[in-house]
Amino acid sequence: MSFAARLIGPAPYPAAEEVSAQFRTAWARFAASGDPGWPAYEPGERLTRVFDLPPAVTPYPEETSRRLWQDHVPPQPLPLMT
């Protein structure tokens, strides 16, 4: 086993590398042009980019959870420190 492999572990799976490449490409494209490569978000449609194999633009996958929490108002101020 090489010294680098001992420090950082085995190489990632090819599928993980492909999803990572999709993500990096989208960020670079967005930084260069303002267009990540899929339609802009529209509140009425709630389409969401899902980085997976294969990649997809789909309706928001957590719609049930979003609706459950949409009217919840957290206490003010939030008790973040005790």
PDB file of N, CA and C in Angstrom:
ATOM      1  N   MET A   1       0.845  -1.177   0.000  1.00  0.00           N
ATOM      2  CA  MET A   1       0.000   0.000   0.000  1.00  0.00           C
ATOM      3  C   MET A   1       0.894   1.246   0.000  1.00  0.00           C
ATOM      4  N   SER A   2       0.571   2.189  -0.857  1.00  0.00           N
ATOM      5  CA  SER A   2       1.383   3.401  -0.954  1.00  0.00           C
ATOM      6  C   SER A   2       1.149   4.310   0.260  1.00  0.00           C
ATOM      7  N   PHE A   3       2.074   5.223   0.453  1.00  0.00           N
ATOM      8  CA  PHE A   3       1.965   6.176   1.559  1.00  0.00           C
ATOM      9  C   PHE A   3       0.696   7.013   1.417  1.00  0.00           C
ATOM     10  N   ALA A   4       0.396   7.488   0.186  1.00  0.00           N
ATOM     11  CA  ALA A   4      -0.803   8.307  -0.046  1.00  0.00           C
ATOM     12  C   ALA A   4      -2.067   7.516   0.273  1.00  0.00           C
ATOM     13  N   ALA A   5      -2.120   6.265  -0.128  1.00  0.00           N
ATOM     14  CA  ALA A   5      -3.299   5.438   0.146  1.00  0.00           C
ATOM     15  C   ALA A   5      -3.501   5.271   1.645  1.00  0.00           C
ATOM     16  N   ARG A   6      -2.422   5.163   2.387  1.00  0.00           N
ATOM     17  CA  ARG A   6      -2.543   5.046   3.839  1.00  0.00           C
ATOM     18  C   ARG A   6      -3.073   6.331   4.456  1.00  0.00           C
ATOM     19  N   LEU A   7      -2.744   7.480   3.869  1.00  0.00           N
ATOM     20  CA  LEU A   7      -3.200   8.756   4.405  1.00  0.00           C
ATOM     21  C   LEU A   7      -4.643   9.079   4.035  1.00  0.00           C
ATOM     22  N   ILE A   8      -5.016   8.842   2.780  1.00  0.00           N
ATOM     23  CA  ILE A   8      -6.337   9.283   2.322  1.00  0.00           C
ATOM     24  C   ILE A   8      -7.298   8.138   2.019  1.00  0.00           C
ATOM     25  N   GLY A   9      -6.862   6.912   2.115  1.00  0.00           N
ATOM     26  CA  GLY A   9      -7.752   5.781   1.899  1.00  0.00           C
ATOM     27  C   GLY A   9      -7.827   5.388   0.438  1.00  0.00           C
ATOM     28  N   PRO A  10      -8.683   4.412   0.150  1.00  0.00           N
ATOM     29  CA  PRO A  10      -8.795   3.911  -1.216  1.00  0.00           C
ATOM     30  C   PRO A  10      -9.458   4.934  -2.141  1.00  0.00           C
ATOM     31  N   ALA A  11      -9.279   4.729  -3.417  1.00  0.00           N
ATOM     32  CA  ALA A  11      -9.913   5.606  -4.420  1.00  0.00           C
ATOM     33  C   ALA A  11     -11.426   5.470  -4.329  1.00  0.00           C
ATOM     34  N   PRO A  12     -12.166   6.550  -4.619  1.00  0.00           N
ATOM     35  CA  PRO A  12     -13.622   6.475  -4.578  1.00  0.00           C
ATOM     36  C   PRO A  12     -14.156   5.581  -5.705  1.00  0.00           C
ATOM     37  N   TYR A  13     -15.368   5.125  -5.523  1.00  0.00           N
ATOM     38  CA  TYR A  13     -16.017   4.330  -6.555  1.00  0.00           C
ATOM     39  C   TYR A  13     -16.201   5.174  -7.814  1.00  0.00           C
ATOM     40  N   PRO A  14     -16.170   4.567  -8.997  1.00  0.00           N
ATOM     41  CA  PRO A  14     -16.368   5.324 -10.244  1.00  0.00           C
ATOM     42  C   PRO A  14     -17.687   6.104 -10.266  1.00  0.00           C
ATOM     43  N   ALA A  15     -18.754   5.537  -9.701  1.00  0.00           N
ATOM     44  CA  ALA A  15     -20.042   6.244  -9.684  1.00  0.00           C
ATOM     45  C   ALA A  15     -19.938   7.526  -8.856  1.00  0.00           C
ATOM     46  N   ALA A  16     -19.224   7.467  -7.732  1.00  0.00           N
ATOM     47  CA  ALA A  16     -19.051   8.657  -6.899  1.00  0.00           C
ATOM     48  C   ALA A  16     -18.239   9.714  -7.644  1.00  0.00           C
ATOM     49  N   GLU A  17     -17.244   9.280  -8.382  1.00  0.00           N
ATOM     50  CA  GLU A  17     -16.453  10.232  -9.166  1.00  0.00           C
ATOM     51  C   GLU A  17     -17.299  10.885 -10.258  1.00  0.00           C
ATOM     52  N   GLU A  18     -18.200  10.116 -10.865  1.00  0.00           N
ATOM     53  CA  GLU A  18     -19.057  10.670 -11.918  1.00  0.00           C
ATOM     54  C   GLU A  18     -20.022  11.709 -11.352  1.00  0.00           C
ATOM     55  N   VAL A  19     -20.638  11.427 -10.209  1.00  0.00           N
ATOM     56  CA  VAL A  19     -21.545  12.398  -9.586  1.00  0.00           C
ATOM     57  C   VAL A  19     -20.763  13.635  -9.161  1.00  0.00           C
ATOM     58  N   SER A  20     -19.566  13.449  -8.641  1.00  0.00           N
ATOM     59  CA  SER A  20     -18.713  14.573  -8.266  1.00  0.00           C
ATOM     60  C   SER A  20     -18.397  15.439  -9.481  1.00  0.00           C
ATOM     61  N   ALA A  21     -18.117  14.818 -10.608  1.00  0.00           N
ATOM     62  CA  ALA A  21     -17.834  15.563 -11.840  1.00  0.00           C
ATOM     63  C   ALA A  21     -19.060  16.353 -12.285  1.00  0.00           C
ATOM     64  N   GLN A  22     -20.251  15.765 -12.161  1.00  0.00           N
ATOM     65  CA  GLN A  22     -21.482  16.495 -12.505  1.00  0.00           C
ATOM     66  C   GLN A  22     -21.589  17.765 -11.659  1.00  0.00           C
ATOM     67  N   PHE A  23     -21.340  17.616 -10.367  1.00  0.00           N
ATOM     68  CA  PHE A  23     -21.471  18.727  -9.437  1.00  0.00           C
ATOM     69  C   PHE A  23     -20.452  19.825  -9.737  1.00  0.00           C
ATOM     70  N   ARG A  24     -19.199  19.435  -9.942  1.00  0.00           N
ATOM     71  CA  ARG A  24     -18.151  20.421 -10.259  1.00  0.00           C
ATOM     72  C   ARG A  24     -18.445  21.132 -11.569  1.00  0.00           C
ATOM     73  N   THR A  25     -18.916  20.383 -12.571  1.00  0.00           N
ATOM     74  CA  THR A  25     -19.239  20.985 -13.865  1.00  0.00           C
ATOM     75  C   THR A  25     -20.367  21.999 -13.722  1.00  0.00           C
ATOM     76  N   ALA A  26     -21.394  21.650 -12.951  1.00  0.00           N
ATOM     77  CA  ALA A  26     -22.514  22.573 -12.742  1.00  0.00           C
ATOM     78  C   ALA A  26     -22.046  23.853 -12.056  1.00  0.00           C
ATOM     79  N   TRP A  27     -21.203  23.723 -11.015  1.00  0.00           N
ATOM     80  CA  TRP A  27     -20.701  24.911 -10.322  1.00  0.00           C
ATOM     81  C   TRP A  27     -19.849  25.772 -11.254  1.00  0.00           C
ATOM     82  N   ALA A  28     -18.980  25.148 -12.009  1.00  0.00           N
ATOM     83  CA  ALA A  28     -18.120  25.913 -12.923  1.00  0.00           C
ATOM     84  C   ALA A  28     -18.953  26.613 -13.989  1.00  0.00           C
ATOM     85  N   ARG A  29     -19.932  25.909 -14.530  1.00  0.00           N
ATOM     86  CA  ARG A  29     -20.800  26.512 -15.552  1.00  0.00           C
ATOM     87  C   ARG A  29     -21.580  27.679 -14.961  1.00  0.00           C
ATOM     88  N   PHE A  30     -22.102  27.507 -13.740  1.00  0.00           N
ATOM     89  CA  PHE A  30     -22.848  28.581 -13.086  1.00  0.00           C
ATOM     90  C   PHE A  30     -21.945  29.782 -12.815  1.00  0.00           C
ATOM     91  N   ALA A  31     -20.732  29.525 -12.349  1.00  0.00           N
ATOM     92  CA  ALA A  31     -19.797  30.618 -12.060  1.00  0.00           C
ATOM     93  C   ALA A  31     -19.427  31.382 -13.326  1.00  0.00           C
ATOM     94  N   ALA A  32     -19.299  30.668 -14.435  1.00  0.00           N
ATOM     95  CA  ALA A  32     -18.879  31.301 -15.681  1.00  0.00           C
ATOM     96  C   ALA A  32     -20.017  32.016 -16.402  1.00  0.00           C
ATOM     97  N   SER A  33     -21.245  31.461 -16.310  1.00  0.00           N
ATOM     98  CA  SER A  33     -22.327  32.008 -17.135  1.00  0.00           C
ATOM     99  C   SER A  33     -23.598  32.346 -16.380  1.00  0.00           C
ATOM    100  N   GLY A  34     -23.723  31.898 -15.134  1.00  0.00           N
ATOM    101  CA  GLY A  34     -24.961  32.096 -14.392  1.00  0.00           C
ATOM    102  C   GLY A  34     -25.997  31.021 -14.680  1.00  0.00           C
ATOM    103  N   ASP A  35     -25.653  30.073 -15.533  1.00  0.00           N
ATOM    104  CA  ASP A  35     -26.563  28.986 -15.912  1.00  0.00           C
ATOM    105  C   ASP A  35     -25.927  27.654 -15.535  1.00  0.00           C
ATOM    106  N   PRO A  36     -26.496  26.941 -14.537  1.00  0.00           N
ATOM    107  CA  PRO A  36     -25.894  25.676 -14.125  1.00  0.00           C
ATOM    108  C   PRO A  36     -26.192  24.516 -15.073  1.00  0.00           C
ATOM    109  N   GLY A  37     -27.128  24.710 -15.998  1.00  0.00           N
ATOM    110  CA  GLY A  37     -27.420  23.644 -16.959  1.00  0.00           C
ATOM    111  C   GLY A  37     -28.796  23.032 -16.821  1.00  0.00           C
ATOM    112  N   TRP A  38     -29.628  23.598 -15.976  1.00  0.00           N
ATOM    113  CA  TRP A  38     -31.015  23.130 -15.853  1.00  0.00           C
ATOM    114  C   TRP A  38     -31.903  24.348 -15.641  1.00  0.00           C
ATOM    115  N   PRO A  39     -33.225  24.186 -15.788  1.00  0.00           N
ATOM    116  CA  PRO A  39     -34.125  25.343 -15.682  1.00  0.00           C
ATOM    117  C   PRO A  39     -34.059  26.007 -14.311  1.00  0.00           C
ATOM    118  N   ALA A  40     -34.283  27.311 -14.295  1.00  0.00           N
ATOM    119  CA  ALA A  40     -34.320  28.060 -13.036  1.00  0.00           C
ATOM    120  C   ALA A  40     -35.483  27.575 -12.177  1.00  0.00           C
ATOM    121  N   TYR A  41     -35.327  27.692 -10.873  1.00  0.00           N
ATOM    122  CA  TYR A  41     -36.370  27.286  -9.930  1.00  0.00           C
ATOM    123  C   TYR A  41     -37.591  28.179 -10.081  1.00  0.00           C
ATOM    124  N   GLU A  42     -38.747  27.574 -10.140  1.00  0.00           N
ATOM    125  CA  GLU A  42     -40.018  28.293 -10.183  1.00  0.00           C
ATOM    126  C   GLU A  42     -40.865  27.793  -9.029  1.00  0.00           C
ATOM    127  N   PRO A  43     -41.328  28.673  -8.134  1.00  0.00           N
ATOM    128  CA  PRO A  43     -42.101  28.226  -6.971  1.00  0.00           C
ATOM    129  C   PRO A  43     -43.323  27.376  -7.322  1.00  0.00           C
ATOM    130  N   GLY A  44     -43.978  27.660  -8.429  1.00  0.00           N
ATOM    131  CA  GLY A  44     -45.161  26.887  -8.803  1.00  0.00           C
ATOM    132  C   GLY A  44     -44.839  25.469  -9.229  1.00  0.00           C
ATOM    133  N   GLU A  45     -43.655  25.257  -9.777  1.00  0.00           N
ATOM    134  CA  GLU A  45     -43.271  23.927 -10.254  1.00  0.00           C
ATOM    135  C   GLU A  45     -42.430  23.159  -9.247  1.00  0.00           C
ATOM    136  N   ARG A  46     -41.583  23.868  -8.510  1.00  0.00           N
ATOM    137  CA  ARG A  46     -40.687  23.273  -7.507  1.00  0.00           C
ATOM    138  C   ARG A  46     -39.805  22.166  -8.093  1.00  0.00           C
ATOM    139  N   LEU A  47     -39.288  22.399  -9.295  1.00  0.00           N
ATOM    140  CA  LEU A  47     -38.369  21.422  -9.874  1.00  0.00           C
ATOM    141  C   LEU A  47     -37.009  21.550  -9.202  1.00  0.00           C
ATOM    142  N   THR A  48     -36.371  20.420  -8.981  1.00  0.00           N
ATOM    143  CA  THR A  48     -35.112  20.356  -8.256  1.00  0.00           C
ATOM    144  C   THR A  48     -34.123  19.495  -9.015  1.00  0.00           C
ATOM    145  N   ARG A  49     -32.881  19.918  -9.087  1.00  0.00           N
ATOM    146  CA  ARG A  49     -31.828  19.112  -9.706  1.00  0.00           C
ATOM    147  C   ARG A  49     -31.390  18.043  -8.699  1.00  0.00           C
ATOM    148  N   VAL A  50     -31.389  16.798  -9.131  1.00  0.00           N
ATOM    149  CA  VAL A  50     -30.942  15.689  -8.295  1.00  0.00           C
ATOM    150  C   VAL A  50     -29.658  15.141  -8.913  1.00  0.00           C
ATOM    151  N   PHE A  51     -28.564  15.237  -8.167  1.00  0.00           N
ATOM    152  CA  PHE A  51     -27.284  14.707  -8.634  1.00  0.00           C
ATOM    153  C   PHE A  51     -27.258  13.224  -8.300  1.00  0.00           C
ATOM    154  N   ASP A  52     -27.337  12.400  -9.321  1.00  0.00           N
ATOM    155  CA  ASP A  52     -27.387  10.955  -9.160  1.00  0.00           C
ATOM    156  C   ASP A  52     -27.014  10.336 -10.492  1.00  0.00           C
ATOM    157  N   LEU A  53     -27.076   9.024 -10.570  1.00  0.00           N
ATOM    158  CA  LEU A  53     -26.858   8.320 -11.833  1.00  0.00           C
ATOM    159  C   LEU A  53     -28.145   7.624 -12.221  1.00  0.00           C
ATOM    160  N   PRO A  54     -28.825   8.050 -13.215  1.00  0.00           N
ATOM    161  CA  PRO A  54     -28.553   9.233 -14.028  1.00  0.00           C
ATOM    162  C   PRO A  54     -29.031  10.496 -13.316  1.00  0.00           C
ATOM    163  N   PRO A  55     -28.469  11.654 -13.679  1.00  0.00           N
ATOM    164  CA  PRO A  55     -28.931  12.912 -13.096  1.00  0.00           C
ATOM    165  C   PRO A  55     -30.342  13.223 -13.592  1.00  0.00           C
ATOM    166  N   ALA A  56     -31.067  14.036 -12.826  1.00  0.00           N
ATOM    167  CA  ALA A  56     -32.442  14.353 -13.215  1.00  0.00           C
ATOM    168  C   ALA A  56     -32.854  15.713 -12.676  1.00  0.00           C
ATOM    169  N   VAL A  57     -33.830  16.302 -13.328  1.00  0.00           N
ATOM    170  CA  VAL A  57     -34.533  17.464 -12.811  1.00  0.00           C
ATOM    171  C   VAL A  57     -35.947  16.953 -12.546  1.00  0.00           C
ATOM    172  N   THR A  58     -36.336  16.936 -11.262  1.00  0.00           N
ATOM    173  CA  THR A  58     -37.597  16.320 -10.858  1.00  0.00           C
ATOM    174  C   THR A  58     -38.355  17.230  -9.918  1.00  0.00           C
ATOM    175  N   PRO A  59     -39.650  16.949  -9.717  1.00  0.00           N
ATOM    176  CA  PRO A  59     -40.362  17.695  -8.667  1.00  0.00           C
ATOM    177  C   PRO A  59     -39.659  17.501  -7.332  1.00  0.00           C
ATOM    178  N   TYR A  60     -39.732  18.510  -6.478  1.00  0.00           N
ATOM    179  CA  TYR A  60     -39.051  18.488  -5.186  1.00  0.00           C
ATOM    180  C   TYR A  60     -39.331  17.174  -4.461  1.00  0.00           C
ATOM    181  N   PRO A  61     -38.284  16.404  -4.132  1.00  0.00           N
ATOM    182  CA  PRO A  61     -38.492  15.067  -3.571  1.00  0.00           C
ATOM    183  C   PRO A  61     -38.972  15.039  -2.119  1.00  0.00           C
ATOM    184  N   GLU A  62     -38.902  16.146  -1.416  1.00  0.00           N
ATOM    185  CA  GLU A  62     -39.334  16.191  -0.017  1.00  0.00           C
ATOM    186  C   GLU A  62     -40.571  17.064   0.162  1.00  0.00           C
ATOM    187  N   GLU A  63     -41.476  17.019  -0.811  1.00  0.00           N
ATOM    188  CA  GLU A  63     -42.667  17.872  -0.794  1.00  0.00           C
ATOM    189  C   GLU A  63     -43.524  17.621   0.447  1.00  0.00           C
ATOM    190  N   THR A  64     -43.694  16.380   0.850  1.00  0.00           N
ATOM    191  CA  THR A  64     -44.505  16.077   2.031  1.00  0.00           C
ATOM    192  C   THR A  64     -43.916  16.740   3.268  1.00  0.00           C
ATOM    193  N   SER A  65     -42.617  16.641   3.437  1.00  0.00           N
ATOM    194  CA  SER A  65     -41.955  17.272   4.573  1.00  0.00           C
ATOM    195  C   SER A  65     -42.066  18.794   4.499  1.00  0.00           C
ATOM    196  N   ARG A  66     -41.886  19.359   3.316  1.00  0.00           N
ATOM    197  CA  ARG A  66     -41.989  20.812   3.152  1.00  0.00           C
ATOM    198  C   ARG A  66     -43.369  21.298   3.574  1.00  0.00           C
ATOM    199  N   ARG A  67     -44.402  20.592   3.146  1.00  0.00           N
ATOM    200  CA  ARG A  67     -45.774  20.991   3.514  1.00  0.00           C
ATOM    201  C   ARG A  67     -46.015  20.851   5.009  1.00  0.00           C
ATOM    202  N   LEU A  68     -45.450  19.806   5.605  1.00  0.00           N
ATOM    203  CA  LEU A  68     -45.610  19.593   7.035  1.00  0.00           C
ATOM    204  C   LEU A  68     -45.030  20.763   7.835  1.00  0.00           C
ATOM    205  N   TRP A  69     -43.883  21.291   7.396  1.00  0.00           N
ATOM    206  CA  TRP A  69     -43.182  22.341   8.136  1.00  0.00           C
ATOM    207  C   TRP A  69     -43.466  23.757   7.655  1.00  0.00           C
ATOM    208  N   GLN A  70     -44.207  23.946   6.577  1.00  0.00           N
ATOM    209  CA  GLN A  70     -44.340  25.275   5.972  1.00  0.00           C
ATOM    210  C   GLN A  70     -44.956  26.319   6.899  1.00  0.00           C
ATOM    211  N   ASP A  71     -45.832  25.933   7.813  1.00  0.00           N
ATOM    212  CA  ASP A  71     -46.470  26.907   8.708  1.00  0.00           C
ATOM    213  C   ASP A  71     -45.853  26.937  10.099  1.00  0.00           C
ATOM    214  N   HIS A  72     -44.796  26.166  10.315  1.00  0.00           N
ATOM    215  CA  HIS A  72     -44.138  26.135  11.623  1.00  0.00           C
ATOM    216  C   HIS A  72     -43.271  27.375  11.786  1.00  0.00           C
ATOM    217  N   VAL A  73     -43.470  28.059  12.879  1.00  0.00           N
ATOM    218  CA  VAL A  73     -42.649  29.226  13.186  1.00  0.00           C
ATOM    219  C   VAL A  73     -41.829  28.881  14.424  1.00  0.00           C
ATOM    220  N   PRO A  74     -40.498  28.861  14.290  1.00  0.00           N
ATOM    221  CA  PRO A  74     -39.664  28.511  15.447  1.00  0.00           C
ATOM    222  C   PRO A  74     -39.748  29.610  16.509  1.00  0.00           C
ATOM    223  N   PRO A  75     -39.472  29.249  17.766  1.00  0.00           N
ATOM    224  CA  PRO A  75     -39.492  30.264  18.830  1.00  0.00           C
ATOM    225  C   PRO A  75     -38.421  31.335  18.554  1.00  0.00           C
ATOM    226  N   GLN A  76     -38.730  32.552  18.950  1.00  0.00           N
ATOM    227  CA  GLN A  76     -37.792  33.660  18.733  1.00  0.00           C
ATOM    228  C   GLN A  76     -37.297  34.156  20.066  1.00  0.00           C
ATOM    229  N   PRO A  77     -36.070  34.370  20.304  1.00  0.00           N
ATOM    230  CA  PRO A  77     -34.972  33.902  19.476  1.00  0.00           C
ATOM    231  C   PRO A  77     -34.755  32.398  19.670  1.00  0.00           C
ATOM    232  N   LEU A  78     -34.097  31.787  18.702  1.00  0.00           N
ATOM    233  CA  LEU A  78     -33.799  30.377  18.819  1.00  0.00           C
ATOM    234  C   LEU A  78     -32.825  30.137  19.963  1.00  0.00           C
ATOM    235  N   PRO A  79     -33.104  29.161  20.813  1.00  0.00           N
ATOM    236  CA  PRO A  79     -32.205  28.902  21.944  1.00  0.00           C
ATOM    237  C   PRO A  79     -30.993  28.078  21.495  1.00  0.00           C
ATOM    238  N   LEU A  80     -30.065  28.717  20.804  1.00  0.00           N
ATOM    239  CA  LEU A  80     -28.919  28.006  20.264  1.00  0.00           C
ATOM    240  C   LEU A  80     -27.828  27.767  21.305  1.00  0.00           C
ATOM    241  N   MET A  81     -27.782  28.624  22.302  1.00  0.00           N
ATOM    242  CA  MET A  81     -26.759  28.469  23.338  1.00  0.00           C
ATOM    243  C   MET A  81     -27.462  28.386  24.680  1.00  0.00           C
ATOM    244  N   THR A  82     -27.036  27.443  25.493  1.00  0.00           N
ATOM    245  CA  THR A  82     -27.671  27.297  26.804  1.00  0.00           C
ATOM    246  C   THR A  82     -26.780  27.830  27.894  1.00  0.00           C
TER     247      THR A  82
END
